[in-house]
């Protein structure tokens, strides 16, 4: 393939990634804004289980309420952390929501209706991995070492959630430089009513402002991640990938790497994986479907808006190891 053809292919892949991802990023940002302006955080926090495992499982199942892909889950998870929900809940949602939602489950069933075990195991493995990671991170009582400085400014640390300044005012807003401002402070200085006392019509302009600010912040990062993913896809010949599909170990590793690099949206990744069903092992197909929505190049930049790099290393290491062992077991069991 000549340079011009490679450029055209890369450009096409780049645009396709953006076209797939932007609607779901917008959905996630809108859900984030709805949580900000229309949800009473005190009730939300009170409903979340305090037990680490129960909280992680509850967060993993929240995708049914907030059906977003791996682009839209980041702003929602960031808002959940800012509202003071337990760490296990936010982590469970962050990792599982792109897969454990009705849209993705239905798409996976349509693609693999002749192999229903793929659908069932994808859901099961995702739930287990997200729950384990959520429970592990819940052991860290103070998330400050793992969060970006901007997040540390808005996430309640070292105090009961109901006593947090974030919750006393019902929520927080971002001022023009992007710094958090407690609603109580705004009420005293600018004299607007707190969000909890605003009418629904009055909250809509605030929802629009919040959506624009989060899209401006996350959209640029998404573009950069999509560009990197497109370049890597063009640089690795497809024939090389297909030649690695039969070994029980190497096929799982190959599809894990492919899932991280391809960065395809979880709503359509099952149809992409279906193209490899004739040449790759069942465990490797599951590795692609399980790992990809949790860890991909496109989403790293978005996750870095919440976590420091070392936290991402911990998350990726746990997710990758669990995915590898689960999917290797499937290959050995079915071979």
C-alpha atoms as a PDB file:
ATOM      1  CA  UNK A   1       0.000   0.000   0.000  1.00  0.00           C
ATOM      2  CA  UNK A   2       1.480   3.340  -1.065  1.00  0.00           C
ATOM      3  CA  UNK A   3       1.661   6.407   1.119  1.00  0.00           C
ATOM      4  CA  UNK A   4      -1.411   8.043  -0.457  1.00  0.00           C
ATOM      5  CA  UNK A   5      -3.536   4.921   0.058  1.00  0.00           C
ATOM      6  CA  UNK A   6      -2.351   4.614   3.654  1.00  0.00           C
ATOM      7  CA  UNK A   7      -3.210   8.241   4.295  1.00  0.00           C
ATOM      8  CA  UNK A   8      -6.688   7.795   2.781  1.00  0.00           C
ATOM      9  CA  UNK A   9      -7.296   4.648   4.822  1.00  0.00           C
ATOM     10  CA  UNK A  10      -6.084   6.308   7.998  1.00  0.00           C
ATOM     11  CA  UNK A  11      -8.201   9.380   7.359  1.00  0.00           C
ATOM     12  CA  UNK A  12     -11.272   7.218   6.741  1.00  0.00           C
ATOM     13  CA  UNK A  13     -10.665   5.243   9.941  1.00  0.00           C
ATOM     14  CA  UNK A  14     -10.130   8.451  11.892  1.00  0.00           C
ATOM     15  CA  UNK A  15     -13.435   9.904  10.696  1.00  0.00           C
ATOM     16  CA  UNK A  16     -15.294   6.638  11.300  1.00  0.00           C
ATOM     17  CA  UNK A  17     -14.020   6.499  14.887  1.00  0.00           C
ATOM     18  CA  UNK A  18     -15.151  10.059  15.482  1.00  0.00           C
ATOM     19  CA  UNK A  19     -18.550   9.514  13.840  1.00  0.00           C
ATOM     20  CA  UNK A  20     -19.104   6.464  16.058  1.00  0.00           C
ATOM     21  CA  UNK A  21     -17.827   8.029  19.251  1.00  0.00           C
ATOM     22  CA  UNK A  22     -19.082  11.625  19.258  1.00  0.00           C
ATOM     23  CA  UNK A  23     -22.823  10.796  19.605  1.00  0.00           C
ATOM     24  CA  UNK A  24     -22.066   8.627  22.633  1.00  0.00           C
ATOM     25  CA  UNK A  25     -19.709  11.210  24.122  1.00  0.00           C
ATOM     26  CA  UNK A  26     -22.521  13.725  23.725  1.00  0.00           C
ATOM     27  CA  UNK A  27     -24.920  11.304  25.395  1.00  0.00           C
ATOM     28  CA  UNK A  28     -22.509  10.845  28.291  1.00  0.00           C
ATOM     29  CA  UNK A  29     -22.021  14.590  28.691  1.00  0.00           C
ATOM     30  CA  UNK A  30     -25.784  15.142  28.658  1.00  0.00           C
ATOM     31  CA  UNK A  31     -26.252  12.449  31.304  1.00  0.00           C
ATOM     32  CA  UNK A  32     -23.485  14.105  33.310  1.00  0.00           C
ATOM     33  CA  UNK A  33     -25.333  17.423  33.096  1.00  0.00           C
ATOM     34  CA  UNK A  34     -28.612  15.799  34.076  1.00  0.00           C
ATOM     35  CA  UNK A  35     -26.915  14.338  37.152  1.00  0.00           C
ATOM     36  CA  UNK A  36     -25.522  17.779  37.891  1.00  0.00           C
ATOM     37  CA  UNK A  37     -28.774  19.730  37.652  1.00  0.00           C
ATOM     38  CA  UNK A  38     -31.675  17.326  38.047  1.00  0.00           C
ATOM     39  CA  UNK A  39     -30.518  14.694  40.545  1.00  0.00           C
ATOM     40  CA  UNK A  40     -30.428  15.227  44.297  1.00  0.00           C
ATOM     41  CA  UNK A  41     -26.938  13.986  45.144  1.00  0.00           C
ATOM     42  CA  UNK A  42     -27.824  13.278  48.746  1.00  0.00           C
ATOM     43  CA  UNK A  43     -30.466  10.785  47.664  1.00  0.00           C
ATOM     44  CA  UNK A  44     -28.133   9.294  45.062  1.00  0.00           C
ATOM     45  CA  UNK A  45     -25.340   8.810  47.572  1.00  0.00           C
ATOM     46  CA  UNK A  46     -27.739   7.410  50.159  1.00  0.00           C
ATOM     47  CA  UNK A  47     -28.975   4.774  47.696  1.00  0.00           C
ATOM     48  CA  UNK A  48     -25.507   3.440  46.880  1.00  0.00           C
ATOM     49  CA  UNK A  49     -24.332   0.344  48.812  1.00  0.00           C
ATOM     50  CA  UNK A  50     -21.409   1.001  51.157  1.00  0.00           C
ATOM     51  CA  UNK A  51     -20.130  -2.559  50.960  1.00  0.00           C
ATOM     52  CA  UNK A  52     -17.272  -2.694  48.451  1.00  0.00           C
ATOM     53  CA  UNK A  53     -18.454  -5.714  46.462  1.00  0.00           C
ATOM     54  CA  UNK A  54     -22.118  -4.726  46.520  1.00  0.00           C
ATOM     55  CA  UNK A  55     -21.238  -1.172  45.515  1.00  0.00           C
ATOM     56  CA  UNK A  56     -19.029  -2.320  42.629  1.00  0.00           C
ATOM     57  CA  UNK A  57     -21.756  -4.674  41.396  1.00  0.00           C
ATOM     58  CA  UNK A  58     -24.386  -1.938  41.680  1.00  0.00           C
ATOM     59  CA  UNK A  59     -22.167   0.432  39.719  1.00  0.00           C
ATOM     60  CA  UNK A  60     -21.569  -2.228  37.080  1.00  0.00           C
ATOM     61  CA  UNK A  61     -25.307  -2.625  36.573  1.00  0.00           C
ATOM     62  CA  UNK A  62     -25.956   1.114  36.338  1.00  0.00           C
ATOM     63  CA  UNK A  63     -25.347   0.884  32.608  1.00  0.00           C
ATOM     64  CA  UNK A  64     -28.969  -0.161  32.261  1.00  0.00           C
ATOM     65  CA  UNK A  65     -29.950   3.279  33.561  1.00  0.00           C
ATOM     66  CA  UNK A  66     -27.201   5.175  31.707  1.00  0.00           C
ATOM     67  CA  UNK A  67     -26.610   3.296  28.409  1.00  0.00           C
ATOM     68  CA  UNK A  68     -23.340   4.881  27.261  1.00  0.00           C
ATOM     69  CA  UNK A  69     -20.306   3.465  25.453  1.00  0.00           C
ATOM     70  CA  UNK A  70     -16.644   3.812  26.389  1.00  0.00           C
ATOM     71  CA  UNK A  71     -16.691   7.454  25.326  1.00  0.00           C
ATOM     72  CA  UNK A  72     -19.772   8.538  27.250  1.00  0.00           C
ATOM     73  CA  UNK A  73     -19.012   6.658  30.471  1.00  0.00           C
ATOM     74  CA  UNK A  74     -16.108   8.932  31.443  1.00  0.00           C
ATOM     75  CA  UNK A  75     -18.051  12.185  31.984  1.00  0.00           C
ATOM     76  CA  UNK A  76     -20.773  10.290  33.861  1.00  0.00           C
ATOM     77  CA  UNK A  77     -18.238   8.511  36.096  1.00  0.00           C
ATOM     78  CA  UNK A  78     -16.471  11.806  36.726  1.00  0.00           C
ATOM     79  CA  UNK A  79     -19.762  13.366  37.808  1.00  0.00           C
ATOM     80  CA  UNK A  80     -20.541  10.405  40.065  1.00  0.00           C
ATOM     81  CA  UNK A  81     -17.180  10.796  41.814  1.00  0.00           C
ATOM     82  CA  UNK A  82     -17.773  14.525  42.181  1.00  0.00           C
ATOM     83  CA  UNK A  83     -21.149  13.827  43.743  1.00  0.00           C
ATOM     84  CA  UNK A  84     -19.550  11.669  46.391  1.00  0.00           C
ATOM     85  CA  UNK A  85     -20.685   8.190  45.410  1.00  0.00           C
ATOM     86  CA  UNK A  86     -18.471   5.386  46.755  1.00  0.00           C
ATOM     87  CA  UNK A  87     -15.354   4.679  44.721  1.00  0.00           C
ATOM     88  CA  UNK A  88     -16.419   1.073  44.086  1.00  0.00           C
ATOM     89  CA  UNK A  89     -19.666   2.274  42.482  1.00  0.00           C
ATOM     90  CA  UNK A  90     -17.960   4.788  40.187  1.00  0.00           C
ATOM     91  CA  UNK A  91     -15.255   2.310  39.141  1.00  0.00           C
ATOM     92  CA  UNK A  92     -17.784  -0.432  38.494  1.00  0.00           C
ATOM     93  CA  UNK A  93     -19.797   1.906  36.303  1.00  0.00           C
ATOM     94  CA  UNK A  94     -16.721   3.220  34.489  1.00  0.00           C
ATOM     95  CA  UNK A  95     -15.592  -0.249  33.410  1.00  0.00           C
ATOM     96  CA  UNK A  96     -18.891  -2.078  32.923  1.00  0.00           C
ATOM     97  CA  UNK A  97     -21.309   0.502  31.529  1.00  0.00           C
ATOM     98  CA  UNK A  98     -19.948   0.321  27.950  1.00  0.00           C
ATOM     99  CA  UNK A  99     -20.900  -3.374  27.849  1.00  0.00           C
ATOM    100  CA  UNK A 100     -23.608  -3.906  30.476  1.00  0.00           C
ATOM    101  CA  UNK A 101     -26.322  -1.900  28.796  1.00  0.00           C
ATOM    102  CA  UNK A 102     -29.313  -2.993  26.703  1.00  0.00           C
ATOM    103  CA  UNK A 103     -28.003  -1.562  23.425  1.00  0.00           C
ATOM    104  CA  UNK A 104     -24.693  -3.431  23.494  1.00  0.00           C
ATOM    105  CA  UNK A 105     -26.218  -6.660  24.794  1.00  0.00           C
ATOM    106  CA  UNK A 106     -28.781  -6.617  22.003  1.00  0.00           C
ATOM    107  CA  UNK A 107     -26.104  -5.892  19.363  1.00  0.00           C
ATOM    108  CA  UNK A 108     -23.941  -8.754  20.665  1.00  0.00           C
ATOM    109  CA  UNK A 109     -26.920 -11.118  20.533  1.00  0.00           C
ATOM    110  CA  UNK A 110     -27.692 -10.132  16.947  1.00  0.00           C
ATOM    111  CA  UNK A 111     -24.076 -10.741  15.898  1.00  0.00           C
ATOM    112  CA  UNK A 112     -23.592 -14.015  17.800  1.00  0.00           C
ATOM    113  CA  UNK A 113     -27.074 -15.485  17.944  1.00  0.00           C
ATOM    114  CA  UNK A 114     -25.591 -18.806  16.780  1.00  0.00           C
ATOM    115  CA  UNK A 115     -23.120 -18.679  19.673  1.00  0.00           C
ATOM    116  CA  UNK A 116     -25.192 -17.524  22.676  1.00  0.00           C
ATOM    117  CA  UNK A 117     -22.374 -18.521  25.008  1.00  0.00           C
ATOM    118  CA  UNK A 118     -20.358 -15.585  23.652  1.00  0.00           C
ATOM    119  CA  UNK A 119     -23.123 -13.207  24.742  1.00  0.00           C
ATOM    120  CA  UNK A 120     -23.487 -14.761  28.188  1.00  0.00           C
ATOM    121  CA  UNK A 121     -19.751 -14.963  28.876  1.00  0.00           C
ATOM    122  CA  UNK A 122     -19.176 -11.398  27.696  1.00  0.00           C
ATOM    123  CA  UNK A 123     -21.687 -10.138  30.235  1.00  0.00           C
ATOM    124  CA  UNK A 124     -20.422 -12.427  32.999  1.00  0.00           C
ATOM    125  CA  UNK A 125     -16.715 -11.653  32.517  1.00  0.00           C
ATOM    126  CA  UNK A 126     -17.360  -7.917  32.303  1.00  0.00           C
ATOM    127  CA  UNK A 127     -19.397  -7.923  35.516  1.00  0.00           C
ATOM    128  CA  UNK A 128     -16.777  -9.938  37.395  1.00  0.00           C
ATOM    129  CA  UNK A 129     -13.837  -7.820  36.220  1.00  0.00           C
ATOM    130  CA  UNK A 130     -15.566  -4.484  36.877  1.00  0.00           C
ATOM    131  CA  UNK A 131     -16.691  -5.661  40.318  1.00  0.00           C
ATOM    132  CA  UNK A 132     -13.202  -6.856  41.258  1.00  0.00           C
ATOM    133  CA  UNK A 133     -11.535  -3.607  40.135  1.00  0.00           C
ATOM    134  CA  UNK A 134     -14.162  -1.536  41.939  1.00  0.00           C
ATOM    135  CA  UNK A 135     -13.674  -3.531  45.129  1.00  0.00           C
ATOM    136  CA  UNK A 136      -9.873  -3.245  44.897  1.00  0.00           C
ATOM    137  CA  UNK A 137      -9.972   0.542  44.484  1.00  0.00           C
ATOM    138  CA  UNK A 138     -12.462   0.895  47.344  1.00  0.00           C
ATOM    139  CA  UNK A 139      -9.669  -0.206  49.701  1.00  0.00           C
ATOM    140  CA  UNK A 140      -7.991   3.144  48.978  1.00  0.00           C
ATOM    141  CA  UNK A 141      -9.838   5.456  51.356  1.00  0.00           C
ATOM    142  CA  UNK A 142      -8.154   8.591  50.053  1.00  0.00           C
ATOM    143  CA  UNK A 143      -8.173   8.788  46.256  1.00  0.00           C
ATOM    144  CA  UNK A 144      -6.019  11.914  46.133  1.00  0.00           C
ATOM    145  CA  UNK A 145      -2.852  10.091  44.958  1.00  0.00           C
ATOM    146  CA  UNK A 146      -4.772   8.570  42.040  1.00  0.00           C
ATOM    147  CA  UNK A 147      -6.833  11.533  40.843  1.00  0.00           C
ATOM    148  CA  UNK A 148      -5.833  14.462  38.681  1.00  0.00           C
ATOM    149  CA  UNK A 149      -5.462  17.791  40.550  1.00  0.00           C
ATOM    150  CA  UNK A 150      -8.620  19.154  38.924  1.00  0.00           C
ATOM    151  CA  UNK A 151     -10.583  16.167  40.224  1.00  0.00           C
ATOM    152  CA  UNK A 152      -9.106  16.472  43.707  1.00  0.00           C
ATOM    153  CA  UNK A 153     -10.552  19.981  43.834  1.00  0.00           C
ATOM    154  CA  UNK A 154     -14.098  18.689  43.442  1.00  0.00           C
ATOM    155  CA  UNK A 155     -14.155  15.138  44.847  1.00  0.00           C
ATOM    156  CA  UNK A 156     -14.987  14.926  48.562  1.00  0.00           C
ATOM    157  CA  UNK A 157     -12.024  13.415  50.434  1.00  0.00           C
ATOM    158  CA  UNK A 158     -11.645  12.439  54.057  1.00  0.00           C
ATOM    159  CA  UNK A 159     -15.150  13.431  55.149  1.00  0.00           C
ATOM    160  CA  UNK A 160     -18.621  11.881  55.081  1.00  0.00           C
ATOM    161  CA  UNK A 161     -20.270  12.521  51.738  1.00  0.00           C
ATOM    162  CA  UNK A 162     -23.310  14.183  53.286  1.00  0.00           C
ATOM    163  CA  UNK A 163     -21.076  16.779  54.957  1.00  0.00           C
ATOM    164  CA  UNK A 164     -19.302  17.699  51.736  1.00  0.00           C
ATOM    165  CA  UNK A 165     -19.615  21.254  50.470  1.00  0.00           C
ATOM    166  CA  UNK A 166     -20.517  19.758  47.118  1.00  0.00           C
ATOM    167  CA  UNK A 167     -23.634  18.245  48.582  1.00  0.00           C
ATOM    168  CA  UNK A 168     -24.637  21.057  50.915  1.00  0.00           C
ATOM    169  CA  UNK A 169     -25.380  23.217  47.896  1.00  0.00           C
ATOM    170  CA  UNK A 170     -26.911  20.389  45.923  1.00  0.00           C
ATOM    171  CA  UNK A 171     -24.141  20.473  43.311  1.00  0.00           C
ATOM    172  CA  UNK A 172     -21.313  22.590  41.950  1.00  0.00           C
ATOM    173  CA  UNK A 173     -20.817  24.621  38.807  1.00  0.00           C
ATOM    174  CA  UNK A 174     -17.709  25.368  36.766  1.00  0.00           C
ATOM    175  CA  UNK A 175     -16.743  28.975  36.309  1.00  0.00           C
ATOM    176  CA  UNK A 176     -15.112  30.281  33.125  1.00  0.00           C
ATOM    177  CA  UNK A 177     -11.535  29.181  33.961  1.00  0.00           C
ATOM    178  CA  UNK A 178     -12.938  25.700  34.593  1.00  0.00           C
ATOM    179  CA  UNK A 179     -12.569  25.830  38.374  1.00  0.00           C
ATOM    180  CA  UNK A 180     -15.295  24.365  40.579  1.00  0.00           C
ATOM    181  CA  UNK A 181     -17.512  26.776  42.458  1.00  0.00           C
ATOM    182  CA  UNK A 182     -19.785  25.477  45.199  1.00  0.00           C
ATOM    183  CA  UNK A 183     -23.421  26.371  44.703  1.00  0.00           C
ATOM    184  CA  UNK A 184     -23.508  27.832  48.214  1.00  0.00           C
ATOM    185  CA  UNK A 185     -20.766  30.285  47.252  1.00  0.00           C
ATOM    186  CA  UNK A 186     -22.582  31.277  44.108  1.00  0.00           C
ATOM    187  CA  UNK A 187     -25.749  31.801  46.063  1.00  0.00           C
ATOM    188  CA  UNK A 188     -23.957  34.194  48.411  1.00  0.00           C
ATOM    189  CA  UNK A 189     -21.963  36.137  45.824  1.00  0.00           C
ATOM    190  CA  UNK A 190     -24.113  36.137  42.706  1.00  0.00           C
ATOM    191  CA  UNK A 191     -27.442  35.482  44.398  1.00  0.00           C
ATOM    192  CA  UNK A 192     -28.806  32.884  41.967  1.00  0.00           C
ATOM    193  CA  UNK A 193     -31.039  30.184  43.439  1.00  0.00           C
ATOM    194  CA  UNK A 194     -29.365  26.851  44.107  1.00  0.00           C
ATOM    195  CA  UNK A 195     -30.002  24.228  41.404  1.00  0.00           C
ATOM    196  CA  UNK A 196     -32.328  22.281  43.687  1.00  0.00           C
ATOM    197  CA  UNK A 197     -34.651  25.314  43.894  1.00  0.00           C
ATOM    198  CA  UNK A 198     -34.562  26.278  40.212  1.00  0.00           C
ATOM    199  CA  UNK A 199     -37.465  25.483  37.941  1.00  0.00           C
ATOM    200  CA  UNK A 200     -36.906  22.899  35.247  1.00  0.00           C
ATOM    201  CA  UNK A 201     -37.034  25.582  32.572  1.00  0.00           C
ATOM    202  CA  UNK A 202     -34.390  27.626  34.374  1.00  0.00           C
ATOM    203  CA  UNK A 203     -32.063  24.619  34.565  1.00  0.00           C
ATOM    204  CA  UNK A 204     -32.020  24.027  30.802  1.00  0.00           C
ATOM    205  CA  UNK A 205     -29.627  26.926  29.967  1.00  0.00           C
ATOM    206  CA  UNK A 206     -27.299  25.662  32.723  1.00  0.00           C
ATOM    207  CA  UNK A 207     -27.475  22.186  31.198  1.00  0.00           C
ATOM    208  CA  UNK A 208     -26.480  23.631  27.817  1.00  0.00           C
ATOM    209  CA  UNK A 209     -23.558  25.575  29.323  1.00  0.00           C
ATOM    210  CA  UNK A 210     -22.288  22.504  31.179  1.00  0.00           C
ATOM    211  CA  UNK A 211     -22.597  20.358  28.033  1.00  0.00           C
ATOM    212  CA  UNK A 212     -20.576  22.818  25.970  1.00  0.00           C
ATOM    213  CA  UNK A 213     -17.814  23.052  28.589  1.00  0.00           C
ATOM    214  CA  UNK A 214     -17.462  19.276  28.952  1.00  0.00           C
ATOM    215  CA  UNK A 215     -17.572  18.702  25.185  1.00  0.00           C
ATOM    216  CA  UNK A 216     -14.860  21.303  24.712  1.00  0.00           C
ATOM    217  CA  UNK A 217     -12.678  19.579  27.288  1.00  0.00           C
ATOM    218  CA  UNK A 218     -13.307  15.944  26.352  1.00  0.00           C
ATOM    219  CA  UNK A 219     -13.855  16.380  22.607  1.00  0.00           C
ATOM    220  CA  UNK A 220     -10.302  17.525  21.912  1.00  0.00           C
ATOM    221  CA  UNK A 221      -8.902  14.571  23.820  1.00  0.00           C
ATOM    222  CA  UNK A 222     -11.200  12.203  21.933  1.00  0.00           C
ATOM    223  CA  UNK A 223      -9.959  13.583  18.592  1.00  0.00           C
ATOM    224  CA  UNK A 224      -6.324  13.012  19.599  1.00  0.00           C
ATOM    225  CA  UNK A 225      -7.036   9.465  20.790  1.00  0.00           C
ATOM    226  CA  UNK A 226      -8.939   8.620  17.606  1.00  0.00           C
ATOM    227  CA  UNK A 227      -6.056   9.934  15.506  1.00  0.00           C
ATOM    228  CA  UNK A 228      -3.536   7.739  17.339  1.00  0.00           C
ATOM    229  CA  UNK A 229      -5.794   4.678  17.017  1.00  0.00           C
ATOM    230  CA  UNK A 230      -6.243   5.246  13.273  1.00  0.00           C
ATOM    231  CA  UNK A 231      -2.482   5.587  12.703  1.00  0.00           C
ATOM    232  CA  UNK A 232      -1.748   2.340  14.557  1.00  0.00           C
ATOM    233  CA  UNK A 233      -4.458   0.462  12.666  1.00  0.00           C
ATOM    234  CA  UNK A 234      -3.030   1.478   9.300  1.00  0.00           C
ATOM    235  CA  UNK A 235       0.539   0.666  10.356  1.00  0.00           C
ATOM    236  CA  UNK A 236      -0.209  -2.986  11.278  1.00  0.00           C
ATOM    237  CA  UNK A 237      -1.100  -5.207   8.259  1.00  0.00           C
ATOM    238  CA  UNK A 238      -4.330  -7.169   8.662  1.00  0.00           C
ATOM    239  CA  UNK A 239      -2.673 -10.339   7.291  1.00  0.00           C
ATOM    240  CA  UNK A 240      -0.284 -10.363  10.235  1.00  0.00           C
ATOM    241  CA  UNK A 241      -3.220 -10.316  12.654  1.00  0.00           C
ATOM    242  CA  UNK A 242      -5.069 -13.112  10.865  1.00  0.00           C
ATOM    243  CA  UNK A 243      -1.986 -15.323  11.021  1.00  0.00           C
ATOM    244  CA  UNK A 244      -2.070 -15.254  14.825  1.00  0.00           C
ATOM    245  CA  UNK A 245      -5.629 -16.450  15.366  1.00  0.00           C
ATOM    246  CA  UNK A 246      -5.351 -20.164  16.094  1.00  0.00           C
ATOM    247  CA  UNK A 247      -3.101 -20.613  19.121  1.00  0.00           C
ATOM    248  CA  UNK A 248      -5.022 -20.714  22.425  1.00  0.00           C
ATOM    249  CA  UNK A 249      -2.611 -18.256  24.079  1.00  0.00           C
ATOM    250  CA  UNK A 250      -1.320 -16.087  21.256  1.00  0.00           C
ATOM    251  CA  UNK A 251      -4.836 -15.617  19.827  1.00  0.00           C
ATOM    252  CA  UNK A 252      -6.085 -14.192  23.139  1.00  0.00           C
ATOM    253  CA  UNK A 253      -3.108 -11.852  23.422  1.00  0.00           C
ATOM    254  CA  UNK A 254      -3.532 -10.754  19.805  1.00  0.00           C
ATOM    255  CA  UNK A 255      -7.211  -9.925  20.184  1.00  0.00           C
ATOM    256  CA  UNK A 256      -6.599  -8.127  23.478  1.00  0.00           C
ATOM    257  CA  UNK A 257      -4.062  -5.905  21.723  1.00  0.00           C
ATOM    258  CA  UNK A 258      -6.403  -5.500  18.756  1.00  0.00           C
ATOM    259  CA  UNK A 259      -9.290  -4.520  21.030  1.00  0.00           C
ATOM    260  CA  UNK A 260      -7.152  -1.876  22.716  1.00  0.00           C
ATOM    261  CA  UNK A 261      -5.801  -0.525  19.425  1.00  0.00           C
ATOM    262  CA  UNK A 262      -8.887  -0.660  17.197  1.00  0.00           C
ATOM    263  CA  UNK A 263     -10.868   1.447  19.702  1.00  0.00           C
ATOM    264  CA  UNK A 264     -14.162   0.589  18.044  1.00  0.00           C
ATOM    265  CA  UNK A 265     -17.375   1.610  19.772  1.00  0.00           C
ATOM    266  CA  UNK A 266     -18.877  -1.087  22.006  1.00  0.00           C
ATOM    267  CA  UNK A 267     -22.238  -0.761  20.269  1.00  0.00           C
ATOM    268  CA  UNK A 268     -20.777  -2.189  17.058  1.00  0.00           C
ATOM    269  CA  UNK A 269     -17.682  -4.107  18.189  1.00  0.00           C
ATOM    270  CA  UNK A 270     -19.564  -7.419  18.141  1.00  0.00           C
ATOM    271  CA  UNK A 271     -20.028  -7.145  14.383  1.00  0.00           C
ATOM    272  CA  UNK A 272     -16.332  -6.374  13.961  1.00  0.00           C
ATOM    273  CA  UNK A 273     -15.427  -9.430  16.065  1.00  0.00           C
ATOM    274  CA  UNK A 274     -17.823 -11.549  14.007  1.00  0.00           C
ATOM    275  CA  UNK A 275     -15.553 -11.015  10.997  1.00  0.00           C
ATOM    276  CA  UNK A 276     -12.824 -12.963  12.870  1.00  0.00           C
ATOM    277  CA  UNK A 277     -15.103 -15.772  14.101  1.00  0.00           C
ATOM    278  CA  UNK A 278     -14.010 -18.216  11.392  1.00  0.00           C
ATOM    279  CA  UNK A 279     -10.280 -17.781  12.025  1.00  0.00           C
ATOM    280  CA  UNK A 280      -9.929 -16.945  15.738  1.00  0.00           C
ATOM    281  CA  UNK A 281     -10.642 -18.997  18.854  1.00  0.00           C
ATOM    282  CA  UNK A 282     -13.796 -18.326  20.934  1.00  0.00           C
ATOM    283  CA  UNK A 283     -11.683 -17.135  23.870  1.00  0.00           C
ATOM    284  CA  UNK A 284      -9.891 -14.606  21.697  1.00  0.00           C
ATOM    285  CA  UNK A 285     -13.201 -13.211  20.434  1.00  0.00           C
ATOM    286  CA  UNK A 286     -14.271 -12.783  24.059  1.00  0.00           C
ATOM    287  CA  UNK A 287     -10.946 -11.103  24.857  1.00  0.00           C
ATOM    288  CA  UNK A 288     -11.678  -8.509  22.174  1.00  0.00           C
ATOM    289  CA  UNK A 289     -15.264  -7.979  23.357  1.00  0.00           C
ATOM    290  CA  UNK A 290     -14.405  -7.782  27.065  1.00  0.00           C
ATOM    291  CA  UNK A 291     -11.144  -5.816  27.088  1.00  0.00           C
ATOM    292  CA  UNK A 292     -11.838  -3.361  24.250  1.00  0.00           C
ATOM    293  CA  UNK A 293     -14.663  -1.413  25.934  1.00  0.00           C
ATOM    294  CA  UNK A 294     -12.610  -1.127  29.142  1.00  0.00           C
ATOM    295  CA  UNK A 295      -9.162  -0.344  27.735  1.00  0.00           C
ATOM    296  CA  UNK A 296      -8.492   1.303  24.375  1.00  0.00           C
ATOM    297  CA  UNK A 297      -6.262   3.988  22.921  1.00  0.00           C
ATOM    298  CA  UNK A 298      -9.169   6.268  22.179  1.00  0.00           C
ATOM    299  CA  UNK A 299     -10.302   6.317  25.798  1.00  0.00           C
ATOM    300  CA  UNK A 300      -6.934   6.742  27.518  1.00  0.00           C
ATOM    301  CA  UNK A 301      -6.967  10.490  27.031  1.00  0.00           C
ATOM    302  CA  UNK A 302     -10.486  10.706  28.446  1.00  0.00           C
ATOM    303  CA  UNK A 303      -9.544   8.597  31.473  1.00  0.00           C
ATOM    304  CA  UNK A 304      -6.567  10.873  32.088  1.00  0.00           C
ATOM    305  CA  UNK A 305      -9.041  13.676  32.805  1.00  0.00           C
ATOM    306  CA  UNK A 306      -9.945  11.714  35.961  1.00  0.00           C
ATOM    307  CA  UNK A 307      -6.936   9.582  36.939  1.00  0.00           C
ATOM    308  CA  UNK A 308      -3.197  10.038  37.126  1.00  0.00           C
ATOM    309  CA  UNK A 309      -1.133   7.745  34.845  1.00  0.00           C
ATOM    310  CA  UNK A 310      -0.148   5.334  37.614  1.00  0.00           C
ATOM    311  CA  UNK A 311      -3.806   4.730  38.472  1.00  0.00           C
ATOM    312  CA  UNK A 312      -4.471   3.843  34.832  1.00  0.00           C
ATOM    313  CA  UNK A 313      -1.548   1.406  34.929  1.00  0.00           C
ATOM    314  CA  UNK A 314      -3.125  -0.348  37.923  1.00  0.00           C
ATOM    315  CA  UNK A 315      -6.546  -0.450  36.266  1.00  0.00           C
ATOM    316  CA  UNK A 316      -5.229  -1.708  32.936  1.00  0.00           C
ATOM    317  CA  UNK A 317      -3.014  -4.332  34.577  1.00  0.00           C
ATOM    318  CA  UNK A 318      -5.868  -5.826  36.615  1.00  0.00           C
ATOM    319  CA  UNK A 319      -8.298  -5.747  33.697  1.00  0.00           C
ATOM    320  CA  UNK A 320      -5.798  -7.268  31.259  1.00  0.00           C
ATOM    321  CA  UNK A 321      -4.751 -10.080  33.588  1.00  0.00           C
ATOM    322  CA  UNK A 322      -8.297 -11.094  34.479  1.00  0.00           C
ATOM    323  CA  UNK A 323      -9.381 -10.933  30.843  1.00  0.00           C
ATOM    324  CA  UNK A 324      -6.429 -13.080  29.742  1.00  0.00           C
ATOM    325  CA  UNK A 325      -7.001 -15.819  32.326  1.00  0.00           C
ATOM    326  CA  UNK A 326     -10.774 -15.959  31.806  1.00  0.00           C
ATOM    327  CA  UNK A 327     -10.454 -16.144  28.029  1.00  0.00           C
ATOM    328  CA  UNK A 328      -7.582 -18.634  28.136  1.00  0.00           C
ATOM    329  CA  UNK A 329      -9.776 -20.851  30.315  1.00  0.00           C
ATOM    330  CA  UNK A 330     -12.497 -20.647  27.660  1.00  0.00           C
ATOM    331  CA  UNK A 331     -10.052 -21.718  24.943  1.00  0.00           C
ATOM    332  CA  UNK A 332      -8.727 -24.625  26.987  1.00  0.00           C
ATOM    333  CA  UNK A 333     -12.242 -25.663  28.005  1.00  0.00           C
ATOM    334  CA  UNK A 334     -13.648 -25.579  24.477  1.00  0.00           C
ATOM    335  CA  UNK A 335     -10.639 -27.013  22.658  1.00  0.00           C
END
